[in-house]
PDB file of N, CA and C in Angstrom:
ATOM      1  N   MET A   1       0.814  -1.161  -0.064  1.00  0.00           N
ATOM      2  CA  MET A   1       0.083  -0.044  -0.082  1.00  0.00           C
ATOM      3  C   MET A   1       1.002   1.287  -0.004  1.00  0.00           C
ATOM      4  N   SER A   2       0.792   2.100  -0.853  1.00  0.00           N
ATOM      5  CA  SER A   2       1.538   3.352  -1.084  1.00  0.00           C
ATOM      6  C   SER A   2       0.775   4.472  -0.542  1.00  0.00           C
ATOM      7  N   GLY A   3       1.388   5.329   0.245  1.00  0.00           N
ATOM      8  CA  GLY A   3       0.784   6.556   0.816  1.00  0.00           C
ATOM      9  C   GLY A   3       1.051   7.702  -0.215  1.00  0.00           C
ATOM     10  N   ALA A   4       0.465   8.812   0.209  1.00  0.00           N
ATOM     11  CA  ALA A   4       0.685   9.974  -0.520  1.00  0.00           C
ATOM     12  C   ALA A   4       2.174  10.541  -0.361  1.00  0.00           C
ATOM     13  N   ALA A   5       2.671  11.180  -1.392  1.00  0.00           N
ATOM     14  CA  ALA A   5       3.997  11.710  -1.159  1.00  0.00           C
ATOM     15  C   ALA A   5       3.908  12.977  -0.156  1.00  0.00           C
ATOM     16  N   GLY A   6       4.918  12.913   0.578  1.00  0.00           N
ATOM     17  CA  GLY A   6       5.124  14.029   1.513  1.00  0.00           C
ATOM     18  C   GLY A   6       5.944  15.158   0.961  1.00  0.00           C
ATOM     19  N   PRO A   7       5.836  16.285   1.461  1.00  0.00           N
ATOM     20  CA  PRO A   7       6.511  17.481   0.970  1.00  0.00           C
ATOM     21  C   PRO A   7       8.023  17.352   1.060  1.00  0.00           C
ATOM     22  N   LEU A   8       8.545  16.635   1.985  1.00  0.00           N
ATOM     23  CA  LEU A   8       9.973  16.399   2.045  1.00  0.00           C
ATOM     24  C   LEU A   8      10.593  15.158   1.328  1.00  0.00           C
ATOM     25  N   ASP A   9       9.697  14.451   0.683  1.00  0.00           N
ATOM     26  CA  ASP A   9      10.152  13.289  -0.034  1.00  0.00           C
ATOM     27  C   ASP A   9      11.314  13.485  -1.003  1.00  0.00           C
ATOM     28  N   LEU A  10      11.372  14.788  -1.563  1.00  0.00           N
ATOM     29  CA  LEU A  10      12.460  15.079  -2.464  1.00  0.00           C
ATOM     30  C   LEU A  10      13.917  15.039  -1.796  1.00  0.00           C
ATOM     31  N   LEU A  11      13.817  15.138  -0.488  1.00  0.00           N
ATOM     32  CA  LEU A  11      15.079  15.249   0.169  1.00  0.00           C
ATOM     33  C   LEU A  11      15.564  13.871   0.860  1.00  0.00           C
ATOM     34  N   GLU A  12      14.727  12.866   0.751  1.00  0.00           N
ATOM     35  CA  GLU A  12      15.059  11.502   1.151  1.00  0.00           C
ATOM     36  C   GLU A  12      16.335  11.176   0.487  1.00  0.00           C
ATOM     37  N   GLY A  13      17.180  10.469   1.356  1.00  0.00           N
ATOM     38  CA  GLY A  13      18.457   9.929   0.829  1.00  0.00           C
ATOM     39  C   GLY A  13      19.567  10.978   0.455  1.00  0.00           C
ATOM     40  N   GLN A  14      19.207  12.203   0.630  1.00  0.00           N
ATOM     41  CA  GLN A  14      20.201  13.328   0.261  1.00  0.00           C
ATOM     42  C   GLN A  14      20.940  13.620   1.570  1.00  0.00           C
ATOM     43  N   ARG A  15      22.136  14.221   1.444  1.00  0.00           N
ATOM     44  CA  ARG A  15      22.931  14.789   2.546  1.00  0.00           C
ATOM     45  C   ARG A  15      23.065  16.275   2.475  1.00  0.00           C
ATOM     46  N   TYR A  16      23.068  16.884   1.180  1.00  0.00           N
ATOM     47  CA  TYR A  16      23.248  18.347   1.069  1.00  0.00           C
ATOM     48  C   TYR A  16      22.022  18.846   0.385  1.00  0.00           C
ATOM     49  N   VAL A  17      21.880  20.063   0.417  1.00  0.00           N
ATOM     50  CA  VAL A  17      20.840  20.860  -0.351  1.00  0.00           C
ATOM     51  C   VAL A  17      21.454  22.220  -0.603  1.00  0.00           C
ATOM     52  N   ARG A  18      21.078  22.691  -1.834  1.00  0.00           N
ATOM     53  CA  ARG A  18      21.306  24.159  -2.033  1.00  0.00           C
ATOM     54  C   ARG A  18      20.166  24.979  -1.547  1.00  0.00           C
ATOM     55  N   LEU A  19      20.527  25.722  -0.503  1.00  0.00           N
ATOM     56  CA  LEU A  19      19.492  26.512   0.160  1.00  0.00           C
ATOM     57  C   LEU A  19      19.518  27.872  -0.440  1.00  0.00           C
ATOM     58  N   THR A  20      18.539  28.310  -1.001  1.00  0.00           N
ATOM     59  CA  THR A  20      18.493  29.640  -1.650  1.00  0.00           C
ATOM     60  C   THR A  20      17.711  30.564  -0.722  1.00  0.00           C
ATOM     61  N   THR A  21      18.445  31.679  -0.187  1.00  0.00           N
ATOM     62  CA  THR A  21      17.802  32.697   0.623  1.00  0.00           C
ATOM     63  C   THR A  21      17.695  33.912  -0.223  1.00  0.00           C
ATOM     64  N   PHE A  22      17.144  34.891   0.264  1.00  0.00           N
ATOM     65  CA  PHE A  22      16.942  36.164  -0.453  1.00  0.00           C
ATOM     66  C   PHE A  22      17.343  37.412   0.269  1.00  0.00           C
ATOM     67  N   ARG A  23      18.088  38.233  -0.393  1.00  0.00           N
ATOM     68  CA  ARG A  23      18.547  39.529   0.172  1.00  0.00           C
ATOM     69  C   ARG A  23      17.337  40.473   0.207  1.00  0.00           C
ATOM     70  N   ARG A  24      17.441  41.500   0.894  1.00  0.00           N
ATOM     71  CA  ARG A  24      16.402  42.558   0.946  1.00  0.00           C
ATOM     72  C   ARG A  24      15.994  43.103  -0.290  1.00  0.00           C
ATOM     73  N   SER A  25      16.913  43.150  -1.250  1.00  0.00           N
ATOM     74  CA  SER A  25      16.620  43.545  -2.698  1.00  0.00           C
ATOM     75  C   SER A  25      15.912  42.563  -3.497  1.00  0.00           C
ATOM     76  N   GLY A  26      15.764  41.254  -2.857  1.00  0.00           N
ATOM     77  CA  GLY A  26      15.037  40.307  -3.608  1.00  0.00           C
ATOM     78  C   GLY A  26      15.992  39.386  -4.329  1.00  0.00           C
ATOM     79  N   LYS A  27      17.260  39.695  -4.433  1.00  0.00           N
ATOM     80  CA  LYS A  27      18.347  38.856  -5.154  1.00  0.00           C
ATOM     81  C   LYS A  27      18.499  37.503  -4.634  1.00  0.00           C
ATOM     82  N   ALA A  28      18.430  36.488  -5.156  1.00  0.00           N
ATOM     83  CA  ALA A  28      18.649  35.008  -4.640  1.00  0.00           C
ATOM     84  C   ALA A  28      20.091  34.824  -4.401  1.00  0.00           C
ATOM     85  N   VAL A  29      20.331  34.167  -3.228  1.00  0.00           N
ATOM     86  CA  VAL A  29      21.708  33.777  -2.906  1.00  0.00           C
ATOM     87  C   VAL A  29      21.770  32.198  -2.508  1.00  0.00           C
ATOM     88  N   PRO A  30      22.183  31.473  -3.432  1.00  0.00           N
ATOM     89  CA  PRO A  30      22.201  30.005  -3.164  1.00  0.00           C
ATOM     90  C   PRO A  30      23.473  29.591  -2.342  1.00  0.00           C
ATOM     91  N   THR A  31      23.339  28.766  -1.336  1.00  0.00           N
ATOM     92  CA  THR A  31      24.433  28.178  -0.538  1.00  0.00           C
ATOM     93  C   THR A  31      24.163  26.748  -0.340  1.00  0.00           C
ATOM     94  N   THR A  32      25.361  25.810  -0.478  1.00  0.00           N
ATOM     95  CA  THR A  32      25.139  24.443  -0.099  1.00  0.00           C
ATOM     96  C   THR A  32      25.310  24.268   1.305  1.00  0.00           C
ATOM     97  N   VAL A  33      24.454  23.436   1.930  1.00  0.00           N
ATOM     98  CA  VAL A  33      24.483  23.168   3.353  1.00  0.00           C
ATOM     99  C   VAL A  33      24.136  21.854   3.616  1.00  0.00           C
ATOM    100  N   TRP A  34      24.553  21.278   4.777  1.00  0.00           N
ATOM    101  CA  TRP A  34      24.273  19.920   5.185  1.00  0.00           C
ATOM    102  C   TRP A  34      22.948  20.021   5.966  1.00  0.00           C
ATOM    103  N   PHE A  35      22.110  19.007   5.962  1.00  0.00           N
ATOM    104  CA  PHE A  35      20.848  18.942   6.660  1.00  0.00           C
ATOM    105  C   PHE A  35      20.572  17.660   7.170  1.00  0.00           C
ATOM    106  N   ALA A  36      19.490  17.634   8.078  1.00  0.00           N
ATOM    107  CA  ALA A  36      18.975  16.390   8.584  1.00  0.00           C
ATOM    108  C   ALA A  36      17.526  16.408   8.555  1.00  0.00           C
ATOM    109  N   LEU A  37      16.899  15.204   8.217  1.00  0.00           N
ATOM    110  CA  LEU A  37      15.345  15.169   8.120  1.00  0.00           C
ATOM    111  C   LEU A  37      14.940  14.510   9.550  1.00  0.00           C
ATOM    112  N   VAL A  38      13.987  15.072  10.299  1.00  0.00           N
ATOM    113  CA  VAL A  38      13.493  14.614  11.474  1.00  0.00           C
ATOM    114  C   VAL A  38      11.993  14.659  11.372  1.00  0.00           C
ATOM    115  N   GLU A  39      11.290  13.527  11.072  1.00  0.00           N
ATOM    116  CA  GLU A  39       9.946  13.415  10.878  1.00  0.00           C
ATOM    117  C   GLU A  39       9.503  14.229   9.669  1.00  0.00           C
ATOM    118  N   ASP A  40       8.715  15.230   9.832  1.00  0.00           N
ATOM    119  CA  ASP A  40       8.262  16.099   8.701  1.00  0.00           C
ATOM    120  C   ASP A  40       8.923  17.495   8.729  1.00  0.00           C
ATOM    121  N   LYS A  41      10.248  17.526   9.243  1.00  0.00           N
ATOM    122  CA  LYS A  41      10.879  18.790   9.208  1.00  0.00           C
ATOM    123  C   LYS A  41      12.377  18.480   8.667  1.00  0.00           C
ATOM    124  N   ALA A  42      12.979  19.410   8.077  1.00  0.00           N
ATOM    125  CA  ALA A  42      14.291  19.432   7.484  1.00  0.00           C
ATOM    126  C   ALA A  42      15.124  20.540   8.361  1.00  0.00           C
ATOM    127  N   TYR A  43      16.227  20.036   9.039  1.00  0.00           N
ATOM    128  CA  TYR A  43      17.001  21.053   9.872  1.00  0.00           C
ATOM    129  C   TYR A  43      18.297  21.354   9.021  1.00  0.00           C
ATOM    130  N   VAL A  44      18.594  22.495   8.872  1.00  0.00           N
ATOM    131  CA  VAL A  44      19.809  23.001   8.252  1.00  0.00           C
ATOM    132  C   VAL A  44      20.735  23.550   9.291  1.00  0.00           C
ATOM    133  N   PHE A  45      22.006  23.098   9.286  1.00  0.00           N
ATOM    134  CA  PHE A  45      22.889  23.461  10.227  1.00  0.00           C
ATOM    135  C   PHE A  45      24.007  24.481   9.666  1.00  0.00           C
ATOM    136  N   THR A  46      24.090  25.696  10.458  1.00  0.00           N
ATOM    137  CA  THR A  46      25.002  26.836  10.090  1.00  0.00           C
ATOM    138  C   THR A  46      25.355  27.648  11.212  1.00  0.00           C
ATOM    139  N   GLY A  47      26.324  28.494  11.057  1.00  0.00           N
ATOM    140  CA  GLY A  47      26.742  29.412  12.048  1.00  0.00           C
ATOM    141  C   GLY A  47      25.660  30.427  12.373  1.00  0.00           C
ATOM    142  N   ALA A  48      25.593  30.772  13.573  1.00  0.00           N
ATOM    143  CA  ALA A  48      24.531  31.725  13.980  1.00  0.00           C
ATOM    144  C   ALA A  48      24.636  33.131  13.440  1.00  0.00           C
ATOM    145  N   ASN A  49      25.884  33.550  13.053  1.00  0.00           N
ATOM    146  CA  ASN A  49      26.170  34.788  12.490  1.00  0.00           C
ATOM    147  C   ASN A  49      26.359  34.832  10.945  1.00  0.00           C
ATOM    148  N   SER A  50      26.016  33.673  10.349  1.00  0.00           N
ATOM    149  CA  SER A  50      26.182  33.528   8.813  1.00  0.00           C
ATOM    150  C   SER A  50      25.224  34.453   8.114  1.00  0.00           C
ATOM    151  N   GLY A  51      25.519  34.749   6.958  1.00  0.00           N
ATOM    152  CA  GLY A  51      24.739  35.669   6.055  1.00  0.00           C
ATOM    153  C   GLY A  51      23.490  34.990   5.765  1.00  0.00           C
ATOM    154  N   LYS A  52      23.348  33.675   5.711  1.00  0.00           N
ATOM    155  CA  LYS A  52      22.042  33.096   5.362  1.00  0.00           C
ATOM    156  C   LYS A  52      21.084  33.187   6.576  1.00  0.00           C
ATOM    157  N   VAL A  53      21.661  33.144   7.660  1.00  0.00           N
ATOM    158  CA  VAL A  53      20.804  33.396   8.967  1.00  0.00           C
ATOM    159  C   VAL A  53      20.136  34.739   9.017  1.00  0.00           C
ATOM    160  N   GLU A  54      21.114  35.768   8.712  1.00  0.00           N
ATOM    161  CA  GLU A  54      20.667  37.121   8.623  1.00  0.00           C
ATOM    162  C   GLU A  54      19.584  37.328   7.568  1.00  0.00           C
ATOM    163  N   ARG A  55      19.732  36.714   6.259  1.00  0.00           N
ATOM    164  CA  ARG A  55      18.681  36.893   5.333  1.00  0.00           C
ATOM    165  C   ARG A  55      17.511  36.068   5.659  1.00  0.00           C
ATOM    166  N   ILE A  56      17.516  35.033   6.398  1.00  0.00           N
ATOM    167  CA  ILE A  56      16.357  34.301   6.847  1.00  0.00           C
ATOM    168  C   ILE A  56      15.605  35.177   7.870  1.00  0.00           C
ATOM    169  N   ARG A  57      16.363  35.911   8.761  1.00  0.00           N
ATOM    170  CA  ARG A  57      15.587  36.702   9.624  1.00  0.00           C
ATOM    171  C   ARG A  57      14.871  37.875   8.889  1.00  0.00           C
ATOM    172  N   ASN A  58      15.383  38.377   7.840  1.00  0.00           N
ATOM    173  CA  ASN A  58      14.758  39.388   7.179  1.00  0.00           C
ATOM    174  C   ASN A  58      13.593  38.857   6.290  1.00  0.00           C
ATOM    175  N   ASP A  59      13.758  37.620   5.638  1.00  0.00           N
ATOM    176  CA  ASP A  59      12.807  37.050   4.749  1.00  0.00           C
ATOM    177  C   ASP A  59      12.769  35.478   4.916  1.00  0.00           C
ATOM    178  N   PRO A  60      11.894  34.885   5.544  1.00  0.00           N
ATOM    179  CA  PRO A  60      11.957  33.422   5.806  1.00  0.00           C
ATOM    180  C   PRO A  60      11.697  32.573   4.699  1.00  0.00           C
ATOM    181  N   ARG A  61      11.314  33.133   3.493  1.00  0.00           N
ATOM    182  CA  ARG A  61      11.133  32.273   2.285  1.00  0.00           C
ATOM    183  C   ARG A  61      12.422  31.802   1.769  1.00  0.00           C
ATOM    184  N   VAL A  62      12.486  30.442   1.413  1.00  0.00           N
ATOM    185  CA  VAL A  62      13.680  29.753   0.912  1.00  0.00           C
ATOM    186  C   VAL A  62      13.288  28.877  -0.210  1.00  0.00           C
ATOM    187  N   THR A  63      14.194  28.491  -1.011  1.00  0.00           N
ATOM    188  CA  THR A  63      14.067  27.506  -1.990  1.00  0.00           C
ATOM    189  C   THR A  63      15.069  26.390  -1.755  1.00  0.00           C
ATOM    190  N   VAL A  64      14.683  25.079  -1.728  1.00  0.00           N
ATOM    191  CA  VAL A  64      15.604  24.017  -1.330  1.00  0.00           C
ATOM    192  C   VAL A  64      15.672  23.100  -2.483  1.00  0.00           C
ATOM    193  N   THR A  65      16.894  22.815  -2.998  1.00  0.00           N
ATOM    194  CA  THR A  65      17.155  21.881  -3.973  1.00  0.00           C
ATOM    195  C   THR A  65      18.182  20.879  -3.624  1.00  0.00           C
ATOM    196  N   PRO A  66      17.824  19.603  -3.816  1.00  0.00           N
ATOM    197  CA  PRO A  66      18.814  18.628  -3.433  1.00  0.00           C
ATOM    198  C   PRO A  66      19.984  18.659  -4.165  1.00  0.00           C
ATOM    199  N   SER A  67      21.202  18.515  -3.574  1.00  0.00           N
ATOM    200  CA  SER A  67      22.452  18.740  -4.330  1.00  0.00           C
ATOM    201  C   SER A  67      23.659  17.935  -3.823  1.00  0.00           C
ATOM    202  N   ASN A  68      24.703  18.099  -4.519  1.00  0.00           N
ATOM    203  CA  ASN A  68      26.028  17.384  -4.044  1.00  0.00           C
ATOM    204  C   ASN A  68      26.633  18.423  -3.093  1.00  0.00           C
ATOM    205  N   PHE A  69      27.891  18.103  -2.537  1.00  0.00           N
ATOM    206  CA  PHE A  69      28.450  19.041  -1.706  1.00  0.00           C
ATOM    207  C   PHE A  69      29.043  20.382  -2.228  1.00  0.00           C
ATOM    208  N   ARG A  70      29.026  20.351  -3.631  1.00  0.00           N
ATOM    209  CA  ARG A  70      29.453  21.477  -4.343  1.00  0.00           C
ATOM    210  C   ARG A  70      28.223  22.337  -4.759  1.00  0.00           C
ATOM    211  N   GLY A  71      26.986  21.913  -4.532  1.00  0.00           N
ATOM    212  CA  GLY A  71      25.919  22.674  -4.948  1.00  0.00           C
ATOM    213  C   GLY A  71      25.268  22.262  -6.203  1.00  0.00           C
ATOM    214  N   LYS A  72      25.736  21.250  -6.929  1.00  0.00           N
ATOM    215  CA  LYS A  72      25.219  20.864  -8.179  1.00  0.00           C
ATOM    216  C   LYS A  72      23.948  20.045  -7.786  1.00  0.00           C
ATOM    217  N   PRO A  73      22.897  20.348  -8.455  1.00  0.00           N
ATOM    218  CA  PRO A  73      21.640  19.639  -8.219  1.00  0.00           C
ATOM    219  C   PRO A  73      21.676  18.198  -8.629  1.00  0.00           C
ATOM    220  N   THR A  74      21.159  17.335  -7.592  1.00  0.00           N
ATOM    221  CA  THR A  74      21.122  15.969  -7.866  1.00  0.00           C
ATOM    222  C   THR A  74      19.901  15.346  -8.337  1.00  0.00           C
ATOM    223  N   THR A  75      18.790  16.253  -8.356  1.00  0.00           N
ATOM    224  CA  THR A  75      17.479  15.881  -8.809  1.00  0.00           C
ATOM    225  C   THR A  75      16.950  17.126  -9.661  1.00  0.00           C
ATOM    226  N   PRO A  76      16.012  16.883 -10.436  1.00  0.00           N
ATOM    227  CA  PRO A  76      15.550  18.122 -11.145  1.00  0.00           C
ATOM    228  C   PRO A  76      14.521  18.928 -10.456  1.00  0.00           C
ATOM    229  N   GLY A  77      14.048  18.500  -9.271  1.00  0.00           N
ATOM    230  CA  GLY A  77      13.048  19.340  -8.534  1.00  0.00           C
ATOM    231  C   GLY A  77      13.682  20.181  -7.530  1.00  0.00           C
ATOM    232  N   SER A  78      12.912  21.009  -7.069  1.00  0.00           N
ATOM    233  CA  SER A  78      13.192  21.877  -5.913  1.00  0.00           C
ATOM    234  C   SER A  78      11.928  22.289  -5.234  1.00  0.00           C
ATOM    235  N   MET A  79      11.952  22.673  -4.013  1.00  0.00           N
ATOM    236  CA  MET A  79      10.806  23.110  -3.323  1.00  0.00           C
ATOM    237  C   MET A  79      10.938  24.572  -2.598  1.00  0.00           C
ATOM    238  N   GLU A  80       9.839  25.210  -2.473  1.00  0.00           N
ATOM    239  CA  GLU A  80       9.789  26.344  -1.739  1.00  0.00           C
ATOM    240  C   GLU A  80       9.365  26.143  -0.322  1.00  0.00           C
ATOM    241  N   ALA A  81       9.943  26.762   0.703  1.00  0.00           N
ATOM    242  CA  ALA A  81       9.544  26.531   2.034  1.00  0.00           C
ATOM    243  C   ALA A  81       9.791  27.760   2.838  1.00  0.00           C
ATOM    244  N   GLU A  82       9.414  27.760   4.099  1.00  0.00           N
ATOM    245  CA  GLU A  82       9.587  28.800   5.051  1.00  0.00           C
ATOM    246  C   GLU A  82      10.491  28.369   6.175  1.00  0.00           C
ATOM    247  N   ALA A  83      11.656  29.112   6.422  1.00  0.00           N
ATOM    248  CA  ALA A  83      12.526  28.849   7.331  1.00  0.00           C
ATOM    249  C   ALA A  83      12.302  29.490   8.701  1.00  0.00           C
ATOM    250  N   ARG A  84      12.652  28.834   9.720  1.00  0.00           N
ATOM    251  CA  ARG A  84      12.506  29.408  11.168  1.00  0.00           C
ATOM    252  C   ARG A  84      13.931  29.166  11.868  1.00  0.00           C
ATOM    253  N   ILE A  85      14.320  30.166  12.427  1.00  0.00           N
ATOM    254  CA  ILE A  85      15.632  30.128  13.234  1.00  0.00           C
ATOM    255  C   ILE A  85      15.494  29.443  14.596  1.00  0.00           C
ATOM    256  N   VAL A  86      16.291  28.357  14.880  1.00  0.00           N
ATOM    257  CA  VAL A  86      16.238  27.708  16.175  1.00  0.00           C
ATOM    258  C   VAL A  86      17.621  27.786  16.735  1.00  0.00           C
ATOM    259  N   GLU A  87      17.687  28.331  17.917  1.00  0.00           N
ATOM    260  CA  GLU A  87      19.087  28.620  18.437  1.00  0.00           C
ATOM    261  C   GLU A  87      19.681  27.170  18.797  1.00  0.00           C
ATOM    262  N   SER A  88      21.007  27.195  18.888  1.00  0.00           N
ATOM    263  CA  SER A  88      21.803  25.948  19.160  1.00  0.00           C
ATOM    264  C   SER A  88      21.452  25.278  20.552  1.00  0.00           C
ATOM    265  N   GLY A  89      20.963  26.080  21.435  1.00  0.00           N
ATOM    266  CA  GLY A  89      20.515  25.561  22.739  1.00  0.00           C
ATOM    267  C   GLY A  89      19.234  24.844  22.870  1.00  0.00           C
ATOM    268  N   PHE A  90      18.539  24.899  21.602  1.00  0.00           N
ATOM    269  CA  PHE A  90      17.243  24.236  21.500  1.00  0.00           C
ATOM    270  C   PHE A  90      17.283  22.716  21.920  1.00  0.00           C
ATOM    271  N   ALA A  91      16.582  22.415  22.884  1.00  0.00           N
ATOM    272  CA  ALA A  91      16.631  20.923  23.383  1.00  0.00           C
ATOM    273  C   ALA A  91      15.332  20.233  23.114  1.00  0.00           C
ATOM    274  N   GLY A  92      14.384  20.823  22.392  1.00  0.00           N
ATOM    275  CA  GLY A  92      13.112  20.326  22.180  1.00  0.00           C
ATOM    276  C   GLY A  92      13.084  19.045  21.273  1.00  0.00           C
ATOM    277  N   ASP A  93      14.079  18.725  20.575  1.00  0.00           N
ATOM    278  CA  ASP A  93      14.137  17.609  19.797  1.00  0.00           C
ATOM    279  C   ASP A  93      15.485  16.954  19.920  1.00  0.00           C
ATOM    280  N   ARG A  94      15.552  15.997  20.759  1.00  0.00           N
ATOM    281  CA  ARG A  94      16.844  15.346  21.037  1.00  0.00           C
ATOM    282  C   ARG A  94      17.367  14.401  19.921  1.00  0.00           C
ATOM    283  N   ARG A  95      16.555  14.149  18.998  1.00  0.00           N
ATOM    284  CA  ARG A  95      16.958  13.257  17.806  1.00  0.00           C
ATOM    285  C   ARG A  95      17.759  14.098  16.880  1.00  0.00           C
ATOM    286  N   LEU A  96      18.018  15.372  17.026  1.00  0.00           N
ATOM    287  CA  LEU A  96      18.822  16.025  16.098  1.00  0.00           C
ATOM    288  C   LEU A  96      20.348  15.744  16.420  1.00  0.00           C
ATOM    289  N   PRO A  97      21.172  15.762  15.427  1.00  0.00           N
ATOM    290  CA  PRO A  97      22.677  15.600  15.638  1.00  0.00           C
ATOM    291  C   PRO A  97      23.098  16.771  16.606  1.00  0.00           C
ATOM    292  N   ARG A  98      24.086  16.401  17.375  1.00  0.00           N
ATOM    293  CA  ARG A  98      24.585  17.440  18.227  1.00  0.00           C
ATOM    294  C   ARG A  98      25.545  18.353  17.439  1.00  0.00           C
ATOM    295  N   ILE A  99      25.211  19.702  17.557  1.00  0.00           N
ATOM    296  CA  ILE A  99      25.957  20.703  16.984  1.00  0.00           C
ATOM    297  C   ILE A  99      26.489  21.558  18.034  1.00  0.00           C
ATOM    298  N   PRO A 100      27.862  21.785  18.235  1.00  0.00           N
ATOM    299  CA  PRO A 100      28.393  22.538  19.388  1.00  0.00           C
ATOM    300  C   PRO A 100      27.910  23.991  19.425  1.00  0.00           C
ATOM    301  N   ARG A 101      27.895  24.696  18.315  1.00  0.00           N
ATOM    302  CA  ARG A 101      27.339  26.053  18.357  1.00  0.00           C
ATOM    303  C   ARG A 101      26.824  26.397  16.916  1.00  0.00           C
ATOM    304  N   GLY A 102      26.249  27.595  16.810  1.00  0.00           N
ATOM    305  CA  GLY A 102      25.615  28.001  15.574  1.00  0.00           C
ATOM    306  C   GLY A 102      24.001  27.850  15.759  1.00  0.00           C
ATOM    307  N   ALA A 103      23.404  27.941  14.646  1.00  0.00           N
ATOM    308  CA  ALA A 103      21.982  27.856  14.573  1.00  0.00           C
ATOM    309  C   ALA A 103      21.453  26.712  13.858  1.00  0.00           C
ATOM    310  N   ARG A 104      20.409  26.292  14.209  1.00  0.00           N
ATOM    311  CA  ARG A 104      19.635  25.226  13.373  1.00  0.00           C
ATOM    312  C   ARG A 104      18.387  25.895  12.862  1.00  0.00           C
ATOM    313  N   THR A 105      18.316  25.854  11.543  1.00  0.00           N
ATOM    314  CA  THR A 105      17.209  26.577  10.892  1.00  0.00           C
ATOM    315  C   THR A 105      16.211  25.467  10.406  1.00  0.00           C
ATOM    316  N   ARG A 106      14.950  25.588  10.850  1.00  0.00           N
ATOM    317  CA  ARG A 106      14.020  24.495  10.551  1.00  0.00           C
ATOM    318  C   ARG A 106      13.238  25.005   9.457  1.00  0.00           C
ATOM    319  N   LEU A 107      12.998  24.174   8.357  1.00  0.00           N
ATOM    320  CA  LEU A 107      12.184  24.496   7.276  1.00  0.00           C
ATOM    321  C   LEU A 107      10.889  23.907   7.328  1.00  0.00           C
ATOM    322  N   ARG A 108       9.787  24.581   6.972  1.00  0.00           N
ATOM    323  CA  ARG A 108       8.503  24.037   7.163  1.00  0.00           C
ATOM    324  C   ARG A 108       7.954  24.231   5.783  1.00  0.00           C
ATOM    325  N   ARG A 109       7.063  23.220   5.353  1.00  0.00           N
ATOM    326  CA  ARG A 109       6.445  23.389   4.019  1.00  0.00           C
ATOM    327  C   ARG A 109       4.993  23.451   4.216  1.00  0.00           C
TER     328      ARG A 109
END
């Protein structure tokens, strides 16, 4: 029995995504990042003071494209999502890999 495809199925089996954030001017800024899937959420790991975190604070809309570690897409599809900043001290979900510092950005679709 097959169920309906979930919004994060595109990311199954992937290790990296090209996360595109947007400057205040609207210009897209793609960055390759490591991520982890936990249930129906994708968590991106990055430094708390990185440019992508600042851009997400200003505009939470992002585009996510599965990619290799150099940012080359590994599938033809991508998805639009909304990002939310979660500080590194966030202990609400202990299934996340331990990251010593920085921010965890949660993507919701």
